[in-house]
Amino acid sequence: MQAKTVSRAIIAAGLLLGIGLPAMADITWTLKDVTFDNGNEVSGSFTTNDAVTAVDSFAISITGEAANAEFTPALMVNAYLPNTIGMASADWSTYVDLYLAAPLTSAGGTVDITGGYDCPSGLRCGVLLLGQPEVIGLTATSNPASTPLPEPSPIAFLAGASILIGPALRRRMVSAR
């Protein structure tokens, strides 16, 4: 009888704790209005894991005035996250670094880009042209985790525990008398 009660209490506690855990999901970040003084522009999006410590996928292109300034990044640098976004060609001959006003977070949202460099192979590196802070940035999209889930209050945990464990403790106290 005791084992059954303990099992039920453990299952119920697990269910109550499960209510409080937010959904974990990848976060898709979209680059918008990113232009450099050498005429290059960065566009596209990338997806990070929920901890924003690794890029899971990306579809980014760099276009420019000169044909050899255009490239599609072959890699993104995980070590730069969450404060900087780095992307490069496979041989690192061309690269783009973007510096963020605030670290990327699992909450998503919009993060301003405050600076950056675009260094195409054999051409002059470009410096990010900064406009209004709200114009140059990253926007999180397709992120179920960006809408915070309500957390259960501690009272709910106490009430659940009392409902589940209370009768077992009461029976134990009655049988002890």
Protein backbone atom coordinates (compact mmCIF):
# COMPACT_ATOMS: atom_id res chain seq x y z
CA MET A 1 0.00 0.00 0.00
CA GLN A 2 2.81 2.44 0.88
CA ALA A 3 4.69 1.71 -2.34
CA LYS A 4 1.58 2.48 -4.34
CA THR A 5 1.10 5.82 -2.59
CA VAL A 6 4.75 6.76 -3.03
CA SER A 7 4.57 5.84 -6.73
CA ARG A 8 1.50 7.99 -7.21
CA ALA A 9 3.17 10.89 -5.41
CA ILE A 10 6.27 10.64 -7.59
CA ILE A 11 4.20 10.50 -10.78
CA ALA A 12 2.08 13.46 -9.71
CA ALA A 13 5.17 15.48 -8.71
CA GLY A 14 6.70 14.76 -12.11
CA LEU A 15 3.54 15.96 -13.83
CA LEU A 16 3.45 19.12 -11.74
CA LEU A 17 7.10 19.86 -12.48
CA GLY A 18 6.52 19.19 -16.17
CA ILE A 19 3.91 21.92 -16.27
CA GLY A 20 6.55 24.47 -15.31
CA LEU A 21 9.13 23.62 -17.94
CA PRO A 22 9.01 25.86 -21.03
CA ALA A 23 8.95 24.35 -24.49
CA MET A 24 12.44 24.15 -25.95
CA ALA A 25 12.71 25.03 -29.61
CA ASP A 26 15.19 26.32 -32.13
CA ILE A 27 15.12 30.05 -32.82
CA THR A 28 15.23 31.44 -36.35
CA TRP A 29 16.89 34.85 -36.64
CA THR A 30 16.35 36.99 -39.76
CA LEU A 31 18.88 39.62 -40.81
CA LYS A 32 17.35 42.89 -41.98
CA ASP A 33 18.83 46.01 -43.61
CA VAL A 34 22.49 45.01 -43.14
CA THR A 35 24.57 47.12 -45.57
CA PHE A 36 28.32 47.85 -45.64
CA ASP A 37 30.17 50.89 -46.97
CA ASN A 38 31.76 48.79 -49.74
CA GLY A 39 28.30 48.18 -51.24
CA ASN A 40 27.79 44.66 -49.89
CA GLU A 41 24.55 43.59 -48.23
CA VAL A 42 23.85 40.59 -46.00
CA SER A 43 20.46 38.94 -46.10
CA GLY A 44 18.90 35.68 -45.01
CA SER A 45 18.38 33.85 -41.77
CA PHE A 46 19.99 31.39 -39.39
CA THR A 47 18.64 29.06 -36.73
CA THR A 48 20.22 28.60 -33.32
CA ASN A 49 19.56 26.01 -30.67
CA ASP A 50 17.42 27.04 -27.69
CA ALA A 51 20.51 27.91 -25.62
CA VAL A 52 21.81 30.15 -28.46
CA THR A 53 25.21 28.43 -28.32
CA ALA A 54 25.17 26.74 -31.74
CA VAL A 55 23.92 27.48 -35.24
CA ASP A 56 21.78 24.58 -36.40
CA SER A 57 21.21 25.82 -39.95
CA PHE A 58 21.54 28.95 -42.07
CA ALA A 59 20.61 30.39 -45.44
CA ILE A 60 22.54 33.63 -45.81
CA SER A 61 23.90 35.40 -48.87
CA ILE A 62 26.22 38.34 -49.26
CA THR A 63 25.69 40.36 -52.40
CA GLY A 64 27.87 43.19 -53.60
CA GLU A 65 28.68 45.63 -56.35
CA ALA A 66 31.64 43.58 -57.59
CA ALA A 67 31.03 40.01 -58.76
CA ASN A 68 33.78 38.56 -56.57
CA ALA A 69 32.35 40.33 -53.51
CA GLU A 70 29.29 38.07 -53.55
CA PHE A 71 29.41 34.80 -51.64
CA THR A 72 27.25 32.36 -49.79
CA PRO A 73 28.72 31.48 -46.40
CA ALA A 74 29.75 27.86 -46.00
CA LEU A 75 30.03 28.06 -42.22
CA MET A 76 28.93 30.04 -39.19
CA VAL A 77 31.06 30.28 -36.05
CA ASN A 78 29.41 28.84 -32.94
CA ALA A 79 32.12 30.21 -30.62
CA TYR A 80 31.06 33.80 -31.42
CA LEU A 81 27.52 33.30 -30.13
CA PRO A 82 25.57 34.82 -28.44
CA ASN A 83 27.30 38.26 -28.71
CA THR A 84 28.62 38.16 -32.28
CA ILE A 85 27.56 36.56 -35.53
CA GLY A 86 30.39 35.26 -37.70
CA MET A 87 30.12 33.63 -41.12
CA ALA A 88 32.73 32.72 -43.71
CA SER A 89 33.53 30.86 -46.89
CA ALA A 90 34.90 27.33 -46.46
CA ASP A 91 38.53 28.53 -46.68
CA TRP A 92 37.97 31.68 -44.58
CA SER A 93 39.09 33.90 -47.49
CA THR A 94 35.83 35.86 -47.22
CA TYR A 95 34.01 36.54 -43.99
CA VAL A 96 31.46 38.74 -42.24
CA ASP A 97 31.36 39.58 -38.53
CA LEU A 98 28.39 41.35 -36.96
CA TYR A 99 28.53 42.74 -33.42
CA LEU A 100 25.32 42.84 -31.38
CA ALA A 101 24.03 45.44 -28.91
CA ALA A 102 22.83 42.62 -26.63
CA PRO A 103 23.39 38.86 -26.61
CA LEU A 104 20.93 36.65 -28.47
CA THR A 105 18.61 34.87 -26.03
CA SER A 106 16.16 32.00 -26.16
CA ALA A 107 13.37 34.53 -25.66
CA GLY A 108 13.86 35.76 -29.23
CA GLY A 109 12.83 39.27 -30.15
CA THR A 110 14.78 41.98 -32.00
CA VAL A 111 18.48 42.58 -31.38
CA ASP A 112 20.28 45.60 -32.84
CA ILE A 113 23.52 45.16 -34.76
CA THR A 114 25.93 47.86 -33.60
CA GLY A 115 28.89 47.21 -35.89
CA GLY A 116 30.52 44.77 -38.21
CA TYR A 117 32.94 44.02 -41.02
CA ASP A 118 32.57 42.44 -44.44
CA CYS A 119 35.84 41.19 -45.91
CA PRO A 120 35.44 39.73 -49.40
CA SER A 121 38.36 37.83 -50.89
CA GLY A 122 40.97 40.20 -52.33
CA LEU A 123 38.80 43.29 -51.89
CA ARG A 124 38.67 46.09 -49.37
CA CYS A 125 36.87 45.16 -46.15
CA GLY A 126 33.65 47.05 -45.62
CA VAL A 127 32.40 48.59 -42.41
CA LEU A 128 28.74 48.27 -41.44
CA LEU A 129 26.72 51.37 -42.28
CA LEU A 130 24.72 52.21 -39.19
CA GLY A 131 21.35 53.89 -39.51
CA GLN A 132 18.62 54.14 -36.96
CA PRO A 133 19.07 51.41 -34.32
CA GLU A 134 15.72 49.91 -35.16
CA VAL A 135 16.61 49.62 -38.86
CA ILE A 136 19.66 47.38 -38.64
CA GLY A 137 19.08 44.22 -36.71
CA LEU A 138 17.98 40.68 -36.21
CA THR A 139 14.45 39.56 -35.66
CA ALA A 140 13.53 36.19 -34.18
CA THR A 141 10.82 34.34 -36.05
CA SER A 142 9.20 30.91 -35.94
CA ASN A 143 10.03 30.53 -32.27
CA PRO A 144 7.49 28.84 -30.05
CA ALA A 145 9.76 29.49 -27.05
CA SER A 146 9.70 33.25 -27.62
CA THR A 147 6.25 33.43 -26.05
CA PRO A 148 6.91 32.74 -22.40
CA LEU A 149 4.85 29.99 -20.89
CA PRO A 150 3.25 30.78 -17.56
CA GLU A 151 5.15 29.29 -14.68
CA PRO A 152 3.17 27.54 -11.97
CA SER A 153 3.17 29.33 -8.67
CA PRO A 154 4.76 27.75 -5.60
CA ILE A 155 1.27 27.57 -4.09
CA ALA A 156 0.25 25.16 -6.87
CA PHE A 157 3.19 22.90 -5.99
CA LEU A 158 2.33 22.98 -2.29
CA ALA A 159 -1.34 22.33 -2.95
CA GLY A 160 -0.52 19.44 -5.27
CA ALA A 161 1.88 17.92 -2.80
CA SER A 162 -0.63 18.32 0.03
CA ILE A 163 -3.39 16.68 -1.98
CA LEU A 164 -1.19 13.76 -2.99
CA ILE A 165 0.90 13.17 0.12
CA GLY A 166 -1.55 14.40 2.78
CA PRO A 167 -3.86 11.32 2.81
CA ALA A 168 -0.88 8.96 3.00
CA LEU A 169 0.61 10.85 5.95
CA ARG A 170 -2.78 10.97 7.67
CA ARG A 171 -3.22 7.20 7.32
CA ARG A 172 0.26 6.64 8.68
CA MET A 173 -0.42 8.85 11.70
CA VAL A 174 -3.77 7.11 12.41
CA SER A 175 -2.21 3.65 12.17
CA ALA A 176 0.65 4.72 14.46
CA ARG A 177 -1.83 5.60 17.24
